[in-house]
PDB file of N, CA and C in Angstrom:
ATOM      1  N   UNK A   1      76.570 -45.448  24.716  1.00  0.00           N
ATOM      2  CA  UNK A   1      76.355 -45.906  26.081  1.00  0.00           C
ATOM      3  C   UNK A   1      76.478 -44.990  27.122  1.00  0.00           C
ATOM      4  N   UNK A   2      75.600 -44.793  27.964  1.00  0.00           N
ATOM      5  CA  UNK A   2      75.451 -43.757  28.990  1.00  0.00           C
ATOM      6  C   UNK A   2      76.466 -44.068  29.975  1.00  0.00           C
ATOM      7  N   UNK A   3      77.158 -42.921  30.470  1.00  0.00           N
ATOM      8  CA  UNK A   3      78.100 -42.843  31.477  1.00  0.00           C
ATOM      9  C   UNK A   3      77.631 -42.448  32.797  1.00  0.00           C
ATOM     10  N   UNK A   4      76.366 -42.322  32.765  1.00  0.00           N
ATOM     11  CA  UNK A   4      75.629 -41.897  34.079  1.00  0.00           C
ATOM     12  C   UNK A   4      75.647 -43.057  35.180  1.00  0.00           C
ATOM     13  N   UNK A   5      75.908 -43.068  36.384  1.00  0.00           N
ATOM     14  CA  UNK A   5      75.794 -44.080  37.276  1.00  0.00           C
ATOM     15  C   UNK A   5      74.434 -44.187  37.511  1.00  0.00           C
ATOM     16  N   UNK A   6      73.981 -45.528  37.696  1.00  0.00           N
ATOM     17  CA  UNK A   6      72.611 -45.786  38.212  1.00  0.00           C
ATOM     18  C   UNK A   6      72.795 -46.175  39.506  1.00  0.00           C
ATOM     19  N   UNK A   7      72.062 -45.408  40.498  1.00  0.00           N
ATOM     20  CA  UNK A   7      72.139 -45.686  41.889  1.00  0.00           C
ATOM     21  C   UNK A   7      71.358 -46.957  42.153  1.00  0.00           C
ATOM     22  N   UNK A   8      72.088 -47.676  43.141  1.00  0.00           N
ATOM     23  CA  UNK A   8      71.447 -49.012  43.503  1.00  0.00           C
ATOM     24  C   UNK A   8      70.374 -48.799  44.621  1.00  0.00           C
ATOM     25  N   UNK A   9      69.365 -49.638  44.502  1.00  0.00           N
ATOM     26  CA  UNK A   9      68.323 -49.494  45.559  1.00  0.00           C
ATOM     27  C   UNK A   9      68.795 -49.862  46.942  1.00  0.00           C
ATOM     28  N   UNK A  10      68.397 -49.254  47.934  1.00  0.00           N
ATOM     29  CA  UNK A  10      68.753 -49.429  49.371  1.00  0.00           C
ATOM     30  C   UNK A  10      67.901 -50.735  49.787  1.00  0.00           C
ATOM     31  N   UNK A  11      68.699 -51.716  50.264  1.00  0.00           N
ATOM     32  CA  UNK A  11      68.084 -52.889  50.828  1.00  0.00           C
ATOM     33  C   UNK A  11      67.288 -52.420  52.128  1.00  0.00           C
ATOM     34  N   UNK A  12      66.398 -53.488  52.497  1.00  0.00           N
ATOM     35  CA  UNK A  12      65.886 -53.227  54.018  1.00  0.00           C
ATOM     36  C   UNK A  12      66.866 -53.177  55.019  1.00  0.00           C
ATOM     37  N   UNK A  13      67.947 -53.947  54.910  1.00  0.00           N
ATOM     38  CA  UNK A  13      68.923 -54.113  55.940  1.00  0.00           C
ATOM     39  C   UNK A  13      69.782 -52.864  55.998  1.00  0.00           C
ATOM     40  N   UNK A  14      69.922 -52.176  54.804  1.00  0.00           N
ATOM     41  CA  UNK A  14      70.929 -50.992  54.704  1.00  0.00           C
ATOM     42  C   UNK A  14      70.059 -49.884  55.205  1.00  0.00           C
ATOM     43  N   UNK A  15      68.652 -49.802  54.918  1.00  0.00           N
ATOM     44  CA  UNK A  15      67.705 -48.741  55.510  1.00  0.00           C
ATOM     45  C   UNK A  15      67.701 -48.978  56.982  1.00  0.00           C
ATOM     46  N   UNK A  16      67.626 -50.154  57.575  1.00  0.00           N
ATOM     47  CA  UNK A  16      67.586 -50.143  58.892  1.00  0.00           C
ATOM     48  C   UNK A  16      68.856 -49.750  59.686  1.00  0.00           C
ATOM     49  N   UNK A  17      69.996 -50.014  58.947  1.00  0.00           N
ATOM     50  CA  UNK A  17      71.198 -49.641  59.582  1.00  0.00           C
ATOM     51  C   UNK A  17      71.298 -47.946  59.545  1.00  0.00           C
ATOM     52  N   UNK A  18      70.851 -47.399  58.416  1.00  0.00           N
ATOM     53  CA  UNK A  18      70.989 -45.811  58.271  1.00  0.00           C
ATOM     54  C   UNK A  18      69.909 -45.273  59.406  1.00  0.00           C
ATOM     55  N   UNK A  19      68.761 -45.879  59.632  1.00  0.00           N
ATOM     56  CA  UNK A  19      67.927 -45.330  60.578  1.00  0.00           C
ATOM     57  C   UNK A  19      68.376 -45.481  62.005  1.00  0.00           C
ATOM     58  N   UNK A  20      69.041 -46.759  62.276  1.00  0.00           N
ATOM     59  CA  UNK A  20      69.733 -46.867  63.567  1.00  0.00           C
ATOM     60  C   UNK A  20      70.763 -45.851  63.897  1.00  0.00           C
ATOM     61  N   UNK A  21      71.600 -45.624  62.925  1.00  0.00           N
ATOM     62  CA  UNK A  21      72.696 -44.598  62.949  1.00  0.00           C
ATOM     63  C   UNK A  21      72.044 -43.235  63.297  1.00  0.00           C
ATOM     64  N   UNK A  22      71.056 -42.790  62.466  1.00  0.00           N
ATOM     65  CA  UNK A  22      70.455 -41.574  62.610  1.00  0.00           C
ATOM     66  C   UNK A  22      69.786 -41.315  64.003  1.00  0.00           C
ATOM     67  N   UNK A  23      69.171 -42.485  64.519  1.00  0.00           N
ATOM     68  CA  UNK A  23      68.599 -42.448  65.839  1.00  0.00           C
ATOM     69  C   UNK A  23      69.508 -42.374  66.955  1.00  0.00           C
ATOM     70  N   UNK A  24      70.759 -42.894  66.821  1.00  0.00           N
ATOM     71  CA  UNK A  24      71.838 -42.831  67.676  1.00  0.00           C
ATOM     72  C   UNK A  24      72.679 -41.615  67.666  1.00  0.00           C
ATOM     73  N   UNK A  25      72.507 -40.673  66.826  1.00  0.00           N
ATOM     74  CA  UNK A  25      73.252 -39.447  66.738  1.00  0.00           C
ATOM     75  C   UNK A  25      72.585 -38.415  67.650  1.00  0.00           C
ATOM     76  N   UNK A  26      73.303 -38.016  68.732  1.00  0.00           N
ATOM     77  CA  UNK A  26      72.680 -36.994  69.569  1.00  0.00           C
ATOM     78  C   UNK A  26      72.410 -35.640  69.050  1.00  0.00           C
ATOM     79  N   UNK A  27      73.003 -35.564  67.923  1.00  0.00           N
ATOM     80  CA  UNK A  27      72.792 -34.156  67.392  1.00  0.00           C
ATOM     81  C   UNK A  27      71.554 -34.124  66.222  1.00  0.00           C
ATOM     82  N   UNK A  28      71.166 -35.242  65.860  1.00  0.00           N
ATOM     83  CA  UNK A  28      70.086 -35.441  64.973  1.00  0.00           C
ATOM     84  C   UNK A  28      68.598 -35.851  65.758  1.00  0.00           C
ATOM     85  N   UNK A  29      67.743 -35.005  65.430  1.00  0.00           N
ATOM     86  CA  UNK A  29      66.373 -35.297  65.976  1.00  0.00           C
ATOM     87  C   UNK A  29      65.338 -35.030  64.862  1.00  0.00           C
ATOM     88  N   UNK A  30      64.102 -35.680  65.010  1.00  0.00           N
ATOM     89  CA  UNK A  30      63.150 -35.273  64.234  1.00  0.00           C
ATOM     90  C   UNK A  30      62.510 -33.943  64.658  1.00  0.00           C
ATOM     91  N   UNK A  31      62.129 -33.283  63.570  1.00  0.00           N
ATOM     92  CA  UNK A  31      61.511 -31.898  63.792  1.00  0.00           C
ATOM     93  C   UNK A  31      60.139 -32.096  64.133  1.00  0.00           C
ATOM     94  N   UNK A  32      59.550 -31.243  64.872  1.00  0.00           N
ATOM     95  CA  UNK A  32      58.139 -31.147  65.107  1.00  0.00           C
ATOM     96  C   UNK A  32      57.349 -30.577  64.012  1.00  0.00           C
ATOM     97  N   UNK A  33      55.976 -30.834  64.038  1.00  0.00           N
ATOM     98  CA  UNK A  33      55.277 -30.124  63.153  1.00  0.00           C
ATOM     99  C   UNK A  33      55.401 -28.567  63.132  1.00  0.00           C
ATOM    100  N   UNK A  34      55.480 -27.956  64.350  1.00  0.00           N
ATOM    101  CA  UNK A  34      55.592 -26.577  64.558  1.00  0.00           C
ATOM    102  C   UNK A  34      56.790 -26.104  63.889  1.00  0.00           C
ATOM    103  N   UNK A  35      57.954 -26.945  64.173  1.00  0.00           N
ATOM    104  CA  UNK A  35      59.281 -26.415  63.642  1.00  0.00           C
ATOM    105  C   UNK A  35      59.222 -26.524  61.979  1.00  0.00           C
ATOM    106  N   UNK A  36      58.596 -27.667  61.400  1.00  0.00           N
ATOM    107  CA  UNK A  36      58.486 -27.703  60.013  1.00  0.00           C
ATOM    108  C   UNK A  36      57.597 -26.505  59.366  1.00  0.00           C
ATOM    109  N   UNK A  37      56.461 -26.368  60.230  1.00  0.00           N
ATOM    110  CA  UNK A  37      55.631 -25.156  59.773  1.00  0.00           C
ATOM    111  C   UNK A  37      56.372 -23.770  59.628  1.00  0.00           C
ATOM    112  N   UNK A  38      57.546 -23.516  60.482  1.00  0.00           N
ATOM    113  CA  UNK A  38      58.170 -22.429  60.383  1.00  0.00           C
ATOM    114  C   UNK A  38      58.936 -22.386  59.167  1.00  0.00           C
ATOM    115  N   UNK A  39      59.335 -23.348  58.285  1.00  0.00           N
ATOM    116  CA  UNK A  39      60.161 -23.338  57.270  1.00  0.00           C
ATOM    117  C   UNK A  39      59.727 -22.285  56.335  1.00  0.00           C
ATOM    118  N   UNK A  40      60.692 -21.684  55.628  1.00  0.00           N
ATOM    119  CA  UNK A  40      60.363 -20.702  54.577  1.00  0.00           C
ATOM    120  C   UNK A  40      61.020 -21.156  53.304  1.00  0.00           C
ATOM    121  N   UNK A  41      60.676 -20.947  52.125  1.00  0.00           N
ATOM    122  CA  UNK A  41      61.211 -21.328  50.867  1.00  0.00           C
ATOM    123  C   UNK A  41      62.714 -20.458  50.693  1.00  0.00           C
ATOM    124  N   UNK A  42      63.626 -20.939  49.918  1.00  0.00           N
ATOM    125  CA  UNK A  42      65.108 -20.577  50.059  1.00  0.00           C
ATOM    126  C   UNK A  42      64.887 -18.984  49.365  1.00  0.00           C
ATOM    127  N   UNK A  43      63.920 -18.877  48.287  1.00  0.00           N
ATOM    128  CA  UNK A  43      63.729 -17.592  47.594  1.00  0.00           C
ATOM    129  C   UNK A  43      63.273 -16.540  48.526  1.00  0.00           C
ATOM    130  N   UNK A  44      62.747 -16.798  49.560  1.00  0.00           N
ATOM    131  CA  UNK A  44      62.359 -15.671  50.614  1.00  0.00           C
ATOM    132  C   UNK A  44      63.494 -15.542  51.635  1.00  0.00           C
ATOM    133  N   UNK A  45      64.169 -16.512  51.989  1.00  0.00           N
ATOM    134  CA  UNK A  45      65.192 -16.430  53.106  1.00  0.00           C
ATOM    135  C   UNK A  45      66.506 -15.870  52.642  1.00  0.00           C
ATOM    136  N   UNK A  46      67.000 -16.367  51.514  1.00  0.00           N
ATOM    137  CA  UNK A  46      68.450 -16.065  50.958  1.00  0.00           C
ATOM    138  C   UNK A  46      68.722 -14.595  50.866  1.00  0.00           C
ATOM    139  N   UNK A  47      67.936 -13.741  50.382  1.00  0.00           N
ATOM    140  CA  UNK A  47      68.153 -12.409  50.241  1.00  0.00           C
ATOM    141  C   UNK A  47      68.362 -11.661  51.687  1.00  0.00           C
ATOM    142  N   UNK A  48      67.676 -12.186  52.684  1.00  0.00           N
ATOM    143  CA  UNK A  48      67.933 -11.558  54.032  1.00  0.00           C
ATOM    144  C   UNK A  48      69.303 -12.084  54.579  1.00  0.00           C
ATOM    145  N   UNK A  49      69.684 -13.293  54.201  1.00  0.00           N
ATOM    146  CA  UNK A  49      70.804 -13.870  54.813  1.00  0.00           C
ATOM    147  C   UNK A  49      71.964 -13.410  54.071  1.00  0.00           C
ATOM    148  N   UNK A  50      72.205 -13.611  52.669  1.00  0.00           N
ATOM    149  CA  UNK A  50      73.269 -13.332  51.963  1.00  0.00           C
ATOM    150  C   UNK A  50      73.247 -12.079  51.089  1.00  0.00           C
ATOM    151  N   UNK A  51      72.249 -11.306  50.990  1.00  0.00           N
ATOM    152  CA  UNK A  51      71.912 -10.187  50.010  1.00  0.00           C
ATOM    153  C   UNK A  51      71.232 -10.608  48.681  1.00  0.00           C
ATOM    154  N   UNK A  52      70.766  -9.523  48.143  1.00  0.00           N
ATOM    155  CA  UNK A  52      70.008  -9.900  46.915  1.00  0.00           C
ATOM    156  C   UNK A  52      70.807 -10.526  45.769  1.00  0.00           C
ATOM    157  N   UNK A  53      71.993  -9.792  45.439  1.00  0.00           N
ATOM    158  CA  UNK A  53      72.950 -10.320  44.284  1.00  0.00           C
ATOM    159  C   UNK A  53      73.378 -11.950  44.555  1.00  0.00           C
ATOM    160  N   UNK A  54      73.872 -12.057  45.742  1.00  0.00           N
ATOM    161  CA  UNK A  54      74.317 -13.517  46.019  1.00  0.00           C
ATOM    162  C   UNK A  54      73.205 -14.368  45.940  1.00  0.00           C
ATOM    163  N   UNK A  55      72.046 -14.058  46.473  1.00  0.00           N
ATOM    164  CA  UNK A  55      70.824 -14.865  46.501  1.00  0.00           C
ATOM    165  C   UNK A  55      70.359 -15.132  45.037  1.00  0.00           C
ATOM    166  N   UNK A  56      70.368 -14.165  44.226  1.00  0.00           N
ATOM    167  CA  UNK A  56      70.130 -14.385  42.770  1.00  0.00           C
ATOM    168  C   UNK A  56      71.098 -15.368  42.073  1.00  0.00           C
ATOM    169  N   UNK A  57      72.289 -15.203  42.416  1.00  0.00           N
ATOM    170  CA  UNK A  57      73.249 -16.153  41.766  1.00  0.00           C
ATOM    171  C   UNK A  57      73.077 -17.424  42.355  1.00  0.00           C
ATOM    172  N   UNK A  58      72.734 -17.694  43.553  1.00  0.00           N
ATOM    173  CA  UNK A  58      72.523 -18.955  44.150  1.00  0.00           C
ATOM    174  C   UNK A  58      71.206 -19.716  43.502  1.00  0.00           C
ATOM    175  N   UNK A  59      70.181 -18.950  43.314  1.00  0.00           N
ATOM    176  CA  UNK A  59      69.050 -19.373  42.850  1.00  0.00           C
ATOM    177  C   UNK A  59      68.963 -19.539  41.385  1.00  0.00           C
ATOM    178  N   UNK A  60      69.925 -19.093  40.673  1.00  0.00           N
ATOM    179  CA  UNK A  60      69.895 -19.117  39.148  1.00  0.00           C
ATOM    180  C   UNK A  60      69.986 -20.532  38.711  1.00  0.00           C
ATOM    181  N   UNK A  61      69.106 -20.741  37.711  1.00  0.00           N
ATOM    182  CA  UNK A  61      69.015 -22.180  37.255  1.00  0.00           C
ATOM    183  C   UNK A  61      70.314 -22.466  36.531  1.00  0.00           C
ATOM    184  N   UNK A  62      70.626 -23.868  36.756  1.00  0.00           N
ATOM    185  CA  UNK A  62      72.042 -24.343  36.003  1.00  0.00           C
ATOM    186  C   UNK A  62      71.761 -24.756  34.849  1.00  0.00           C
ATOM    187  N   UNK A  63      72.895 -25.004  33.957  1.00  0.00           N
ATOM    188  CA  UNK A  63      72.630 -25.459  32.758  1.00  0.00           C
ATOM    189  C   UNK A  63      72.432 -24.508  31.523  1.00  0.00           C
ATOM    190  N   UNK A  64      72.193 -24.999  30.357  1.00  0.00           N
ATOM    191  CA  UNK A  64      72.041 -24.070  29.197  1.00  0.00           C
ATOM    192  C   UNK A  64      70.580 -23.518  29.386  1.00  0.00           C
ATOM    193  N   UNK A  65      70.394 -22.278  28.885  1.00  0.00           N
ATOM    194  CA  UNK A  65      69.079 -21.679  28.829  1.00  0.00           C
ATOM    195  C   UNK A  65      68.148 -22.385  27.835  1.00  0.00           C
ATOM    196  N   UNK A  66      66.925 -22.537  28.134  1.00  0.00           N
ATOM    197  CA  UNK A  66      66.139 -23.141  27.195  1.00  0.00           C
ATOM    198  C   UNK A  66      65.962 -22.371  25.935  1.00  0.00           C
ATOM    199  N   UNK A  67      66.090 -23.112  24.866  1.00  0.00           N
ATOM    200  CA  UNK A  67      65.782 -22.479  23.423  1.00  0.00           C
ATOM    201  C   UNK A  67      64.345 -22.188  23.209  1.00  0.00           C
ATOM    202  N   UNK A  68      64.121 -21.064  22.351  1.00  0.00           N
ATOM    203  CA  UNK A  68      62.502 -21.073  21.881  1.00  0.00           C
ATOM    204  C   UNK A  68      62.111 -22.342  21.315  1.00  0.00           C
ATOM    205  N   UNK A  69      60.975 -22.618  21.162  1.00  0.00           N
ATOM    206  CA  UNK A  69      60.323 -23.861  20.811  1.00  0.00           C
ATOM    207  C   UNK A  69      60.810 -24.133  19.427  1.00  0.00           C
ATOM    208  N   UNK A  70      60.824 -23.067  18.528  1.00  0.00           N
ATOM    209  CA  UNK A  70      61.039 -23.211  17.094  1.00  0.00           C
ATOM    210  C   UNK A  70      62.535 -23.678  16.752  1.00  0.00           C
ATOM    211  N   UNK A  71      63.411 -23.405  17.818  1.00  0.00           N
ATOM    212  CA  UNK A  71      64.832 -23.633  17.580  1.00  0.00           C
ATOM    213  C   UNK A  71      65.143 -24.932  18.369  1.00  0.00           C
ATOM    214  N   UNK A  72      64.346 -25.485  19.097  1.00  0.00           N
ATOM    215  CA  UNK A  72      64.837 -26.788  19.884  1.00  0.00           C
ATOM    216  C   UNK A  72      64.850 -28.022  18.929  1.00  0.00           C
ATOM    217  N   UNK A  73      65.866 -28.996  19.313  1.00  0.00           N
ATOM    218  CA  UNK A  73      65.975 -29.970  18.546  1.00  0.00           C
ATOM    219  C   UNK A  73      65.032 -31.011  18.740  1.00  0.00           C
ATOM    220  N   UNK A  74      64.571 -31.827  17.780  1.00  0.00           N
ATOM    221  CA  UNK A  74      63.655 -32.892  18.002  1.00  0.00           C
ATOM    222  C   UNK A  74      64.080 -34.169  18.169  1.00  0.00           C
ATOM    223  N   UNK A  75      63.661 -34.921  19.247  1.00  0.00           N
ATOM    224  CA  UNK A  75      64.277 -36.279  19.466  1.00  0.00           C
ATOM    225  C   UNK A  75      63.395 -37.253  18.860  1.00  0.00           C
ATOM    226  N   UNK A  76      64.107 -38.218  18.177  1.00  0.00           N
ATOM    227  CA  UNK A  76      63.327 -39.169  17.296  1.00  0.00           C
ATOM    228  C   UNK A  76      64.273 -40.422  17.223  1.00  0.00           C
ATOM    229  N   UNK A  77      63.713 -41.381  17.035  1.00  0.00           N
ATOM    230  CA  UNK A  77      64.094 -42.788  16.656  1.00  0.00           C
ATOM    231  C   UNK A  77      64.184 -42.968  15.163  1.00  0.00           C
ATOM    232  N   UNK A  78      65.470 -43.296  14.605  1.00  0.00           N
ATOM    233  CA  UNK A  78      65.635 -43.538  13.240  1.00  0.00           C
ATOM    234  C   UNK A  78      66.768 -44.455  12.983  1.00  0.00           C
ATOM    235  N   UNK A  79      66.565 -45.288  12.016  1.00  0.00           N
ATOM    236  CA  UNK A  79      67.608 -46.313  11.778  1.00  0.00           C
ATOM    237  C   UNK A  79      68.446 -45.889  10.651  1.00  0.00           C
ATOM    238  N   UNK A  80      69.880 -46.111  10.738  1.00  0.00           N
ATOM    239  CA  UNK A  80      70.830 -45.799   9.742  1.00  0.00           C
ATOM    240  C   UNK A  80      71.691 -47.061   9.427  1.00  0.00           C
ATOM    241  N   UNK A  81      72.349 -47.148   8.429  1.00  0.00           N
ATOM    242  CA  UNK A  81      73.269 -48.272   8.230  1.00  0.00           C
ATOM    243  C   UNK A  81      74.393 -48.220   9.091  1.00  0.00           C
ATOM    244  N   UNK A  82      74.774 -49.340   9.630  1.00  0.00           N
ATOM    245  CA  UNK A  82      75.821 -49.431  10.736  1.00  0.00           C
ATOM    246  C   UNK A  82      77.160 -48.709  10.212  1.00  0.00           C
ATOM    247  N   UNK A  83      77.437 -49.036   9.023  1.00  0.00           N
ATOM    248  CA  UNK A  83      78.843 -48.403   8.551  1.00  0.00           C
ATOM    249  C   UNK A  83      78.834 -46.924   8.512  1.00  0.00           C
ATOM    250  N   UNK A  84      77.633 -46.304   8.323  1.00  0.00           N
ATOM    251  CA  UNK A  84      77.452 -44.857   8.191  1.00  0.00           C
ATOM    252  C   UNK A  84      77.631 -44.409   9.630  1.00  0.00           C
ATOM    253  N   UNK A  85      76.901 -45.044  10.700  1.00  0.00           N
ATOM    254  CA  UNK A  85      77.051 -44.495  12.071  1.00  0.00           C
ATOM    255  C   UNK A  85      78.451 -44.605  12.523  1.00  0.00           C
ATOM    256  N   UNK A  86      79.118 -45.782  12.201  1.00  0.00           N
ATOM    257  CA  UNK A  86      80.550 -46.104  12.717  1.00  0.00           C
ATOM    258  C   UNK A  86      81.404 -44.949  12.154  1.00  0.00           C
ATOM    259  N   UNK A  87      81.188 -44.578  10.852  1.00  0.00           N
ATOM    260  CA  UNK A  87      82.073 -43.434  10.175  1.00  0.00           C
ATOM    261  C   UNK A  87      81.926 -42.150  10.840  1.00  0.00           C
ATOM    262  N   UNK A  88      80.611 -41.885  11.161  1.00  0.00           N
ATOM    263  CA  UNK A  88      80.577 -40.477  11.922  1.00  0.00           C
ATOM    264  C   UNK A  88      80.947 -40.726  13.458  1.00  0.00           C
ATOM    265  N   UNK A  89      80.782 -41.822  14.141  1.00  0.00           N
ATOM    266  CA  UNK A  89      81.331 -41.919  15.378  1.00  0.00           C
ATOM    267  C   UNK A  89      82.736 -41.987  15.514  1.00  0.00           C
ATOM    268  N   UNK A  90      83.361 -42.428  14.487  1.00  0.00           N
ATOM    269  CA  UNK A  90      85.011 -42.464  14.457  1.00  0.00           C
ATOM    270  C   UNK A  90      85.635 -40.994  14.379  1.00  0.00           C
ATOM    271  N   UNK A  91      84.637 -40.081  13.964  1.00  0.00           N
ATOM    272  CA  UNK A  91      85.325 -38.588  14.033  1.00  0.00           C
ATOM    273  C   UNK A  91      85.334 -37.999  15.484  1.00  0.00           C
ATOM    274  N   UNK A  92      84.912 -38.735  16.415  1.00  0.00           N
ATOM    275  CA  UNK A  92      84.969 -38.200  17.871  1.00  0.00           C
ATOM    276  C   UNK A  92      83.650 -37.608  18.369  1.00  0.00           C
ATOM    277  N   UNK A  93      83.934 -36.983  19.458  1.00  0.00           N
ATOM    278  CA  UNK A  93      82.749 -36.203  20.127  1.00  0.00           C
ATOM    279  C   UNK A  93      82.178 -35.210  19.245  1.00  0.00           C
ATOM    280  N   UNK A  94      80.924 -35.128  19.343  1.00  0.00           N
ATOM    281  CA  UNK A  94      80.178 -34.110  18.539  1.00  0.00           C
ATOM    282  C   UNK A  94      79.675 -34.735  17.097  1.00  0.00           C
ATOM    283  N   UNK A  95      79.772 -36.267  16.923  1.00  0.00           N
ATOM    284  CA  UNK A  95      79.549 -36.748  15.824  1.00  0.00           C
ATOM    285  C   UNK A  95      78.004 -36.524  15.388  1.00  0.00           C
ATOM    286  N   UNK A  96      77.218 -36.471  16.331  1.00  0.00           N
ATOM    287  CA  UNK A  96      75.780 -36.388  16.039  1.00  0.00           C
ATOM    288  C   UNK A  96      75.388 -34.865  15.447  1.00  0.00           C
ATOM    289  N   UNK A  97      76.244 -33.929  15.857  1.00  0.00           N
ATOM    290  CA  UNK A  97      76.083 -32.514  15.428  1.00  0.00           C
ATOM    291  C   UNK A  97      76.645 -32.402  13.913  1.00  0.00           C
ATOM    292  N   UNK A  98      77.715 -33.255  13.687  1.00  0.00           N
ATOM    293  CA  UNK A  98      78.368 -33.339  12.318  1.00  0.00           C
ATOM    294  C   UNK A  98      77.395 -33.978  11.518  1.00  0.00           C
ATOM    295  N   UNK A  99      76.607 -35.099  11.886  1.00  0.00           N
ATOM    296  CA  UNK A  99      75.728 -35.648  11.182  1.00  0.00           C
ATOM    297  C   UNK A  99      74.580 -34.885  10.788  1.00  0.00           C
ATOM    298  N   UNK A 100      74.238 -34.052  11.815  1.00  0.00           N
ATOM    299  CA  UNK A 100      72.952 -32.965  11.565  1.00  0.00           C
ATOM    300  C   UNK A 100      73.491 -32.014  10.466  1.00  0.00           C
ATOM    301  N   UNK A 101      74.675 -31.528  10.648  1.00  0.00           N
ATOM    302  CA  UNK A 101      75.094 -30.676   9.569  1.00  0.00           C
ATOM    303  C   UNK A 101      75.300 -31.115   8.140  1.00  0.00           C
ATOM    304  N   UNK A 102      75.481 -32.342   7.991  1.00  0.00           N
ATOM    305  CA  UNK A 102      75.591 -33.061   6.850  1.00  0.00           C
ATOM    306  C   UNK A 102      74.232 -33.125   6.316  1.00  0.00           C
ATOM    307  N   UNK A 103      73.387 -33.533   6.977  1.00  0.00           N
ATOM    308  CA  UNK A 103      72.024 -33.531   6.440  1.00  0.00           C
ATOM    309  C   UNK A 103      71.420 -32.142   6.218  1.00  0.00           C
ATOM    310  N   UNK A 104      71.650 -31.196   6.911  1.00  0.00           N
ATOM    311  CA  UNK A 104      71.298 -29.836   6.605  1.00  0.00           C
ATOM    312  C   UNK A 104      71.868 -29.427   5.390  1.00  0.00           C
ATOM    313  N   UNK A 105      73.186 -29.561   5.074  1.00  0.00           N
ATOM    314  CA  UNK A 105      73.900 -29.304   3.789  1.00  0.00           C
ATOM    315  C   UNK A 105      73.100 -29.854   2.573  1.00  0.00           C
ATOM    316  N   UNK A 106      72.961 -31.110   2.718  1.00  0.00           N
ATOM    317  CA  UNK A 106      72.137 -31.867   1.692  1.00  0.00           C
ATOM    318  C   UNK A 106      70.771 -31.261   1.360  1.00  0.00           C
ATOM    319  N   UNK A 107      69.983 -30.944   2.562  1.00  0.00           N
ATOM    320  CA  UNK A 107      68.721 -30.484   2.210  1.00  0.00           C
ATOM    321  C   UNK A 107      68.803 -29.155   1.549  1.00  0.00           C
ATOM    322  N   UNK A 108      69.778 -28.301   1.990  1.00  0.00           N
ATOM    323  CA  UNK A 108      69.933 -26.919   1.292  1.00  0.00           C
ATOM    324  C   UNK A 108      70.325 -26.997  -0.026  1.00  0.00           C
ATOM    325  N   UNK A 109      71.354 -27.836  -0.269  1.00  0.00           N
ATOM    326  CA  UNK A 109      71.697 -28.161  -1.702  1.00  0.00           C
ATOM    327  C   UNK A 109      70.734 -28.674  -2.664  1.00  0.00           C
ATOM    328  N   UNK A 110      69.699 -29.376  -2.106  1.00  0.00           N
ATOM    329  CA  UNK A 110      68.646 -29.740  -2.921  1.00  0.00           C
ATOM    330  C   UNK A 110      67.246 -29.023  -2.716  1.00  0.00           C
ATOM    331  N   UNK A 111      67.492 -27.760  -2.285  1.00  0.00           N
ATOM    332  CA  UNK A 111      66.339 -26.748  -2.086  1.00  0.00           C
ATOM    333  C   UNK A 111      65.247 -27.462  -1.270  1.00  0.00           C
ATOM    334  N   UNK A 112      65.599 -28.026  -0.251  1.00  0.00           N
ATOM    335  CA  UNK A 112      64.281 -28.647   0.570  1.00  0.00           C
ATOM    336  C   UNK A 112      64.236 -27.699   1.773  1.00  0.00           C
ATOM    337  N   UNK A 113      65.331 -26.965   2.052  1.00  0.00           N
ATOM    338  CA  UNK A 113      65.212 -25.935   3.193  1.00  0.00           C
ATOM    339  C   UNK A 113      65.603 -24.564   2.450  1.00  0.00           C
ATOM    340  N   UNK A 114      64.906 -23.580   3.041  1.00  0.00           N
ATOM    341  CA  UNK A 114      65.288 -22.091   2.557  1.00  0.00           C
ATOM    342  C   UNK A 114      66.697 -21.851   2.786  1.00  0.00           C
ATOM    343  N   UNK A 115      67.395 -21.152   1.994  1.00  0.00           N
ATOM    344  CA  UNK A 115      68.724 -20.807   2.001  1.00  0.00           C
ATOM    345  C   UNK A 115      69.163 -19.596   3.001  1.00  0.00           C
TER     346      UNK A 115
END
């Protein structure tokens, strides 16, 4: 079960209330086409504003670096017996990796994979 929160869609009434609040804010105004045309990408502006090193840190991609194609896991749909899945799940977080390790160990012991 995913723990990710699913955002709810904004209703027409909520959207109208948000637009009214934005319109009534004296500090908020719509930008003109000329102003929008002056915008520059962050990778151009940040080095000038905060310096090259800090800009590089701010622009660095988040998360794990991508693995080479031949090392990436393959996503697939497969069916296992319920008791087998429950046994691995009961071992806690990381159960899918342990299941992968068990399959790898079997494949290597039966000479299905190179050692």
